[in-house]
């Protein structure tokens, strides 16, 4: 399920039929494929590059932007989760002081709360992403 937010965008962009849309879709697909192969640490920069990718077709741009509103918070949630786990490891170390354990628990808890909020933000953007994909699919099939 890793990077599931990217699959619908990439598959729909593949079916583009006009040359302008096809070129933009190919660029987005290439950028998206690069993102999928990266570690969490490198995905942030790659998604930024995808976000700044130039596009002229209104429907392609809307799909890209709408689906990035799912992808970016989802990535943030993964980063928060990773960081929370690191704090939990520090707190679980055999030589951790009581202060360290409490501080680590508090920080991990705050990060997990932030991860949950980011996931909810991404989840709330899914209908717009799905809708934009459907509109693009209809417009491409109609051309």
N, C-alpha and C. Protein backbone atom coordinates (compact mmCIF):
# COMPACT_ATOMS: atom_id res chain seq x y z
N UNK A 1 0.82 -1.19 0.00
CA UNK A 1 0.00 0.00 0.00
C UNK A 1 0.86 1.26 0.00
N UNK A 2 2.19 1.07 0.00
CA UNK A 2 3.10 2.19 0.00
C UNK A 2 2.85 3.06 -1.23
N UNK A 3 2.68 4.35 -0.98
CA UNK A 3 2.46 5.34 -2.04
C UNK A 3 1.23 5.04 -2.89
N UNK A 4 0.18 4.52 -2.28
CA UNK A 4 -1.04 4.21 -3.01
C UNK A 4 -1.68 5.46 -3.59
N UNK A 5 -1.41 6.61 -3.03
CA UNK A 5 -1.96 7.87 -3.51
C UNK A 5 -1.47 8.23 -4.90
N UNK A 6 -0.34 7.67 -5.31
CA UNK A 6 0.24 8.04 -6.58
C UNK A 6 -0.25 7.18 -7.74
N UNK A 7 -0.64 5.95 -7.47
CA UNK A 7 -1.01 5.02 -8.54
C UNK A 7 -2.16 5.52 -9.41
N UNK A 8 -3.29 6.00 -8.84
CA UNK A 8 -4.37 6.46 -9.72
C UNK A 8 -3.96 7.63 -10.59
N UNK A 9 -3.20 8.55 -10.03
CA UNK A 9 -2.75 9.70 -10.81
C UNK A 9 -1.90 9.26 -11.98
N UNK A 10 -0.96 8.39 -11.72
CA UNK A 10 -0.05 7.95 -12.78
C UNK A 10 -0.76 7.14 -13.86
N UNK A 11 -1.65 6.25 -13.45
CA UNK A 11 -2.33 5.42 -14.44
C UNK A 11 -3.25 6.24 -15.32
N UNK A 12 -3.92 7.23 -14.74
CA UNK A 12 -4.82 8.05 -15.55
C UNK A 12 -4.04 8.96 -16.48
N UNK A 13 -2.94 9.49 -16.02
CA UNK A 13 -2.15 10.36 -16.88
C UNK A 13 -1.59 9.61 -18.09
N UNK A 14 -1.43 8.30 -17.98
CA UNK A 14 -0.94 7.50 -19.09
C UNK A 14 -1.91 7.47 -20.26
N UNK A 15 -3.21 7.62 -20.00
CA UNK A 15 -4.18 7.49 -21.08
C UNK A 15 -4.42 8.79 -21.84
N UNK A 16 -3.68 9.82 -21.53
CA UNK A 16 -3.86 11.11 -22.19
C UNK A 16 -3.63 10.98 -23.68
N UNK A 17 -4.44 11.73 -24.47
CA UNK A 17 -4.33 11.54 -25.92
C UNK A 17 -3.85 12.77 -26.67
N UNK A 18 -3.98 13.97 -26.16
CA UNK A 18 -3.48 15.13 -26.89
C UNK A 18 -2.00 15.27 -26.61
N UNK A 19 -1.26 15.84 -27.56
CA UNK A 19 0.19 15.90 -27.40
C UNK A 19 0.60 16.73 -26.20
N UNK A 20 -0.04 17.88 -25.97
CA UNK A 20 0.31 18.71 -24.82
C UNK A 20 0.04 17.98 -23.53
N UNK A 21 -1.13 17.39 -23.44
CA UNK A 21 -1.49 16.64 -22.25
C UNK A 21 -0.56 15.44 -22.09
N UNK A 22 -0.26 14.77 -23.19
CA UNK A 22 0.62 13.60 -23.12
C UNK A 22 2.01 13.98 -22.61
N UNK A 23 2.58 15.08 -23.11
CA UNK A 23 3.90 15.51 -22.66
C UNK A 23 3.86 15.84 -21.18
N UNK A 24 2.85 16.59 -20.75
CA UNK A 24 2.72 16.94 -19.34
C UNK A 24 2.52 15.69 -18.49
N UNK A 25 1.71 14.78 -18.99
CA UNK A 25 1.46 13.55 -18.25
C UNK A 25 2.74 12.72 -18.13
N UNK A 26 3.51 12.65 -19.21
CA UNK A 26 4.76 11.89 -19.17
C UNK A 26 5.73 12.49 -18.17
N UNK A 27 5.81 13.83 -18.10
CA UNK A 27 6.68 14.47 -17.11
C UNK A 27 6.21 14.15 -15.70
N UNK A 28 4.91 14.24 -15.48
CA UNK A 28 4.36 13.95 -14.16
C UNK A 28 4.59 12.49 -13.78
N UNK A 29 4.43 11.61 -14.75
CA UNK A 29 4.63 10.18 -14.50
C UNK A 29 6.09 9.92 -14.13
N UNK A 30 7.01 10.51 -14.90
CA UNK A 30 8.43 10.31 -14.60
C UNK A 30 8.76 10.83 -13.21
N UNK A 31 8.25 12.00 -12.86
CA UNK A 31 8.50 12.56 -11.53
C UNK A 31 7.87 11.67 -10.46
N UNK A 32 6.67 11.20 -10.73
CA UNK A 32 5.99 10.32 -9.77
C UNK A 32 6.72 9.01 -9.58
N UNK A 33 7.23 8.45 -10.66
CA UNK A 33 8.00 7.19 -10.56
C UNK A 33 9.26 7.39 -9.74
N UNK A 34 9.91 8.55 -9.94
CA UNK A 34 11.10 8.84 -9.13
C UNK A 34 10.73 8.91 -7.65
N UNK A 35 9.61 9.54 -7.34
CA UNK A 35 9.16 9.65 -5.95
C UNK A 35 8.94 8.27 -5.34
N UNK A 36 8.29 7.40 -6.07
CA UNK A 36 7.94 6.08 -5.54
C UNK A 36 9.17 5.26 -5.17
N UNK A 37 10.30 5.50 -5.83
CA UNK A 37 11.50 4.70 -5.61
C UNK A 37 12.39 5.26 -4.50
N UNK A 38 12.01 6.40 -3.95
CA UNK A 38 12.87 7.08 -2.98
C UNK A 38 12.53 6.70 -1.54
N UNK A 39 13.49 6.93 -0.68
CA UNK A 39 13.25 6.78 0.75
C UNK A 39 12.35 7.93 1.21
N UNK A 40 11.79 7.79 2.38
CA UNK A 40 10.95 8.85 2.94
C UNK A 40 11.72 10.17 2.97
N UNK A 41 12.99 10.09 3.33
CA UNK A 41 13.80 11.30 3.44
C UNK A 41 13.90 12.05 2.10
N UNK A 42 13.97 11.30 1.01
CA UNK A 42 14.13 11.93 -0.30
C UNK A 42 12.79 12.24 -0.99
N UNK A 43 11.71 11.68 -0.48
CA UNK A 43 10.41 11.90 -1.12
C UNK A 43 9.94 13.35 -0.99
N UNK A 44 10.25 14.00 0.10
CA UNK A 44 9.82 15.38 0.30
C UNK A 44 10.31 16.27 -0.85
N UNK A 45 11.58 16.20 -1.18
CA UNK A 45 12.14 17.02 -2.26
C UNK A 45 11.54 16.63 -3.60
N UNK A 46 11.37 15.33 -3.81
CA UNK A 46 10.82 14.88 -5.09
C UNK A 46 9.37 15.31 -5.26
N UNK A 47 8.60 15.27 -4.17
CA UNK A 47 7.21 15.75 -4.27
C UNK A 47 7.19 17.25 -4.51
N UNK A 48 8.14 17.96 -3.94
CA UNK A 48 8.25 19.39 -4.22
C UNK A 48 8.51 19.64 -5.70
N UNK A 49 9.37 18.81 -6.29
CA UNK A 49 9.65 18.93 -7.72
C UNK A 49 8.40 18.61 -8.54
N UNK A 50 7.67 17.59 -8.14
CA UNK A 50 6.42 17.26 -8.83
C UNK A 50 5.42 18.40 -8.69
N UNK A 51 5.38 18.99 -7.50
CA UNK A 51 4.45 20.10 -7.24
C UNK A 51 4.79 21.30 -8.12
N UNK A 52 6.06 21.55 -8.38
CA UNK A 52 6.47 22.71 -9.17
C UNK A 52 6.53 22.41 -10.67
N UNK A 53 6.20 21.18 -11.05
CA UNK A 53 6.23 20.79 -12.45
C UNK A 53 5.27 21.66 -13.26
N UNK A 54 5.78 22.25 -14.31
CA UNK A 54 4.95 23.11 -15.15
C UNK A 54 3.91 22.28 -15.90
N UNK A 55 2.71 22.80 -15.95
CA UNK A 55 1.68 22.16 -16.77
C UNK A 55 0.74 23.23 -17.29
N UNK A 56 0.27 23.03 -18.51
CA UNK A 56 -0.63 23.99 -19.14
C UNK A 56 -2.06 23.49 -19.23
N UNK A 57 -2.24 22.19 -19.24
CA UNK A 57 -3.58 21.63 -19.33
C UNK A 57 -4.26 21.76 -17.97
N UNK A 58 -5.38 22.46 -17.94
CA UNK A 58 -6.10 22.74 -16.69
C UNK A 58 -6.46 21.48 -15.94
N UNK A 59 -6.94 20.47 -16.64
CA UNK A 59 -7.36 19.24 -15.97
C UNK A 59 -6.17 18.47 -15.40
N UNK A 60 -5.07 18.41 -16.14
CA UNK A 60 -3.87 17.73 -15.64
C UNK A 60 -3.34 18.46 -14.41
N UNK A 61 -3.30 19.79 -14.48
CA UNK A 61 -2.81 20.57 -13.34
C UNK A 61 -3.71 20.36 -12.12
N UNK A 62 -5.01 20.32 -12.35
CA UNK A 62 -5.93 20.13 -11.23
C UNK A 62 -5.75 18.76 -10.59
N UNK A 63 -5.57 17.74 -11.41
CA UNK A 63 -5.34 16.40 -10.86
C UNK A 63 -4.04 16.39 -10.06
N UNK A 64 -2.99 16.92 -10.64
CA UNK A 64 -1.70 16.97 -9.95
C UNK A 64 -1.84 17.67 -8.60
N UNK A 65 -2.44 18.84 -8.61
CA UNK A 65 -2.56 19.62 -7.38
C UNK A 65 -3.47 18.95 -6.36
N UNK A 66 -4.60 18.44 -6.83
CA UNK A 66 -5.54 17.78 -5.91
C UNK A 66 -4.93 16.54 -5.28
N UNK A 67 -4.21 15.77 -6.08
CA UNK A 67 -3.63 14.54 -5.55
C UNK A 67 -2.39 14.82 -4.70
N UNK A 68 -1.70 15.90 -4.96
CA UNK A 68 -0.60 16.30 -4.07
C UNK A 68 -1.14 16.71 -2.70
N UNK A 69 -2.38 17.21 -2.66
CA UNK A 69 -2.99 17.54 -1.36
C UNK A 69 -3.28 16.27 -0.55
N UNK A 70 -3.25 15.14 -1.19
CA UNK A 70 -3.31 13.85 -0.49
C UNK A 70 -1.88 13.40 -0.15
N UNK A 71 -0.99 13.48 -1.13
CA UNK A 71 0.36 12.93 -0.99
C UNK A 71 1.21 13.66 0.04
N UNK A 72 1.20 14.98 0.03
CA UNK A 72 2.08 15.72 0.92
C UNK A 72 1.75 15.51 2.40
N UNK A 73 0.49 15.59 2.81
CA UNK A 73 0.19 15.31 4.22
C UNK A 73 0.45 13.84 4.58
N UNK A 74 0.22 12.94 3.64
CA UNK A 74 0.47 11.52 3.90
C UNK A 74 1.96 11.31 4.14
N UNK A 75 2.79 11.94 3.34
CA UNK A 75 4.23 11.85 3.55
C UNK A 75 4.60 12.46 4.89
N UNK A 76 4.01 13.59 5.24
CA UNK A 76 4.29 14.21 6.54
C UNK A 76 3.93 13.25 7.67
N UNK A 77 2.82 12.53 7.53
CA UNK A 77 2.42 11.57 8.56
C UNK A 77 3.46 10.45 8.69
N UNK A 78 3.98 9.98 7.57
CA UNK A 78 5.01 8.95 7.61
C UNK A 78 6.29 9.47 8.28
N UNK A 79 6.62 10.72 8.00
CA UNK A 79 7.80 11.32 8.63
C UNK A 79 7.60 11.45 10.14
N UNK A 80 6.42 11.90 10.55
CA UNK A 80 6.12 12.03 11.98
C UNK A 80 6.17 10.66 12.66
N UNK A 81 5.63 9.66 12.00
CA UNK A 81 5.65 8.30 12.57
C UNK A 81 7.08 7.81 12.74
N UNK A 82 7.89 8.00 11.72
CA UNK A 82 9.30 7.60 11.78
C UNK A 82 10.00 8.29 12.95
N UNK A 83 9.76 9.60 13.10
CA UNK A 83 10.40 10.36 14.17
C UNK A 83 9.88 9.92 15.54
N UNK A 84 8.59 9.62 15.63
CA UNK A 84 8.02 9.14 16.90
C UNK A 84 8.66 7.82 17.31
N UNK A 85 8.86 6.95 16.35
CA UNK A 85 9.51 5.66 16.65
C UNK A 85 10.93 5.87 17.17
N UNK A 86 11.62 6.84 16.61
CA UNK A 86 12.98 7.13 17.07
C UNK A 86 12.96 7.61 18.53
N UNK A 87 12.00 8.46 18.87
CA UNK A 87 11.88 8.92 20.26
C UNK A 87 11.51 7.77 21.19
N UNK A 88 10.69 6.87 20.71
CA UNK A 88 10.30 5.72 21.53
C UNK A 88 11.51 4.82 21.79
N UNK A 89 12.36 4.66 20.79
CA UNK A 89 13.58 3.87 20.99
C UNK A 89 14.48 4.49 22.05
N UNK A 90 14.61 5.82 22.01
CA UNK A 90 15.43 6.52 23.00
C UNK A 90 14.85 6.28 24.40
N UNK A 91 13.53 6.39 24.52
CA UNK A 91 12.88 6.20 25.81
C UNK A 91 12.93 4.78 26.31
N UNK A 92 13.06 3.83 25.40
CA UNK A 92 13.10 2.41 25.78
C UNK A 92 14.51 1.89 26.01
N UNK A 93 15.51 2.73 25.82
CA UNK A 93 16.89 2.29 26.04
C UNK A 93 17.07 1.88 27.50
N UNK A 94 17.83 0.84 27.70
CA UNK A 94 18.03 0.30 29.05
C UNK A 94 18.64 1.33 30.00
N UNK A 95 19.47 2.20 29.50
CA UNK A 95 20.13 3.18 30.36
C UNK A 95 19.42 4.54 30.40
N UNK A 96 18.19 4.62 29.87
CA UNK A 96 17.45 5.88 29.84
C UNK A 96 17.00 6.27 31.24
N UNK A 97 17.20 7.52 31.55
CA UNK A 97 16.76 8.03 32.85
C UNK A 97 15.24 8.20 32.83
N UNK A 98 14.66 8.36 33.99
CA UNK A 98 13.21 8.56 34.08
C UNK A 98 12.80 9.83 33.33
N UNK A 99 13.64 10.86 33.41
CA UNK A 99 13.36 12.11 32.68
C UNK A 99 13.36 11.87 31.18
N UNK A 100 14.33 11.11 30.72
CA UNK A 100 14.44 10.81 29.29
C UNK A 100 13.25 10.00 28.82
N UNK A 101 12.84 9.03 29.64
CA UNK A 101 11.69 8.20 29.28
C UNK A 101 10.45 9.07 29.15
N UNK A 102 10.20 9.93 30.11
CA UNK A 102 9.01 10.79 30.08
C UNK A 102 9.06 11.78 28.92
N UNK A 103 10.23 12.38 28.70
CA UNK A 103 10.36 13.33 27.60
C UNK A 103 10.17 12.63 26.25
N UNK A 104 10.72 11.43 26.13
CA UNK A 104 10.57 10.68 24.88
C UNK A 104 9.12 10.29 24.64
N UNK A 105 8.43 9.87 25.69
CA UNK A 105 7.01 9.51 25.55
C UNK A 105 6.20 10.73 25.12
N UNK A 106 6.48 11.86 25.76
CA UNK A 106 5.74 13.08 25.43
C UNK A 106 5.98 13.49 23.98
N UNK A 107 7.23 13.47 23.55
CA UNK A 107 7.56 13.87 22.17
C UNK A 107 6.98 12.89 21.17
N UNK A 108 7.10 11.60 21.46
CA UNK A 108 6.54 10.59 20.57
C UNK A 108 5.02 10.75 20.47
N UNK A 109 4.38 11.00 21.59
CA UNK A 109 2.93 11.20 21.59
C UNK A 109 2.52 12.40 20.75
N UNK A 110 3.27 13.49 20.88
CA UNK A 110 2.97 14.70 20.09
C UNK A 110 3.16 14.42 18.60
N UNK A 111 4.21 13.69 18.27
CA UNK A 111 4.45 13.36 16.86
C UNK A 111 3.37 12.44 16.31
N UNK A 112 2.92 11.49 17.11
CA UNK A 112 1.85 10.60 16.66
C UNK A 112 0.55 11.37 16.48
N UNK A 113 0.29 12.34 17.36
CA UNK A 113 -0.88 13.20 17.18
C UNK A 113 -0.78 13.99 15.88
N UNK A 114 0.42 14.51 15.60
CA UNK A 114 0.64 15.25 14.35
C UNK A 114 0.48 14.32 13.14
N UNK A 115 0.95 13.08 13.26
CA UNK A 115 0.80 12.11 12.17
C UNK A 115 -0.67 11.85 11.90
N UNK A 116 -1.43 11.69 12.98
CA UNK A 116 -2.87 11.44 12.83
C UNK A 116 -3.55 12.63 12.13
N UNK A 117 -3.21 13.84 12.57
CA UNK A 117 -3.79 15.04 11.95
C UNK A 117 -3.43 15.13 10.47
N UNK A 118 -2.18 14.82 10.13
CA UNK A 118 -1.75 14.87 8.73
C UNK A 118 -2.48 13.82 7.90
N UNK A 119 -2.65 12.62 8.47
CA UNK A 119 -3.40 11.58 7.75
C UNK A 119 -4.84 12.01 7.51
N UNK A 120 -5.45 12.62 8.50
CA UNK A 120 -6.82 13.11 8.34
C UNK A 120 -6.89 14.18 7.26
N UNK A 121 -5.90 15.06 7.23
CA UNK A 121 -5.86 16.09 6.20
C UNK A 121 -5.76 15.46 4.82
N UNK A 122 -4.87 14.50 4.67
CA UNK A 122 -4.74 13.81 3.38
C UNK A 122 -6.00 13.07 3.00
N UNK A 123 -6.58 12.41 4.00
CA UNK A 123 -7.82 11.64 3.76
C UNK A 123 -8.94 12.57 3.30
N UNK A 124 -9.02 13.76 3.88
CA UNK A 124 -10.09 14.68 3.50
C UNK A 124 -9.92 15.18 2.06
N UNK A 125 -8.71 15.10 1.52
CA UNK A 125 -8.45 15.55 0.15
C UNK A 125 -8.68 14.46 -0.89
N UNK A 126 -8.87 13.22 -0.45
CA UNK A 126 -9.05 12.11 -1.39
C UNK A 126 -10.25 12.32 -2.32
N UNK A 127 -11.42 12.75 -1.83
CA UNK A 127 -12.54 12.92 -2.75
C UNK A 127 -12.25 13.91 -3.88
N UNK A 128 -11.55 15.00 -3.57
CA UNK A 128 -11.23 15.97 -4.62
C UNK A 128 -10.25 15.35 -5.63
N UNK A 129 -9.27 14.61 -5.14
CA UNK A 129 -8.32 13.93 -6.03
C UNK A 129 -9.08 12.93 -6.92
N UNK A 130 -9.91 12.12 -6.31
CA UNK A 130 -10.69 11.14 -7.08
C UNK A 130 -11.59 11.83 -8.10
N UNK A 131 -12.23 12.92 -7.69
CA UNK A 131 -13.11 13.65 -8.60
C UNK A 131 -12.35 14.25 -9.77
N UNK A 132 -11.19 14.82 -9.47
CA UNK A 132 -10.37 15.40 -10.53
C UNK A 132 -9.90 14.33 -11.51
N UNK A 133 -9.55 13.17 -10.98
CA UNK A 133 -9.16 12.06 -11.84
C UNK A 133 -10.31 11.64 -12.75
N UNK A 134 -11.51 11.59 -12.21
CA UNK A 134 -12.68 11.19 -13.00
C UNK A 134 -12.95 12.20 -14.10
N UNK A 135 -12.84 13.50 -13.78
CA UNK A 135 -13.05 14.54 -14.79
C UNK A 135 -12.01 14.42 -15.90
N UNK A 136 -10.75 14.23 -15.53
CA UNK A 136 -9.71 14.10 -16.54
C UNK A 136 -9.94 12.86 -17.40
N UNK A 137 -10.32 11.78 -16.76
CA UNK A 137 -10.59 10.55 -17.51
C UNK A 137 -11.72 10.77 -18.53
N UNK A 138 -12.80 11.43 -18.10
CA UNK A 138 -13.90 11.70 -19.03
C UNK A 138 -13.46 12.62 -20.17
N UNK A 139 -12.66 13.63 -19.85
CA UNK A 139 -12.24 14.58 -20.90
C UNK A 139 -11.28 13.91 -21.88
N UNK A 140 -10.44 13.02 -21.39
CA UNK A 140 -9.50 12.33 -22.28
C UNK A 140 -10.25 11.35 -23.17
N UNK A 141 -11.20 10.63 -22.61
CA UNK A 141 -11.98 9.68 -23.42
C UNK A 141 -12.84 10.38 -24.45
N UNK A 142 -13.23 11.62 -24.15
CA UNK A 142 -14.08 12.37 -25.07
C UNK A 142 -13.34 13.00 -26.23
N UNK A 143 -12.01 13.05 -26.15
CA UNK A 143 -11.21 13.70 -27.21
C UNK A 143 -10.88 12.75 -28.32
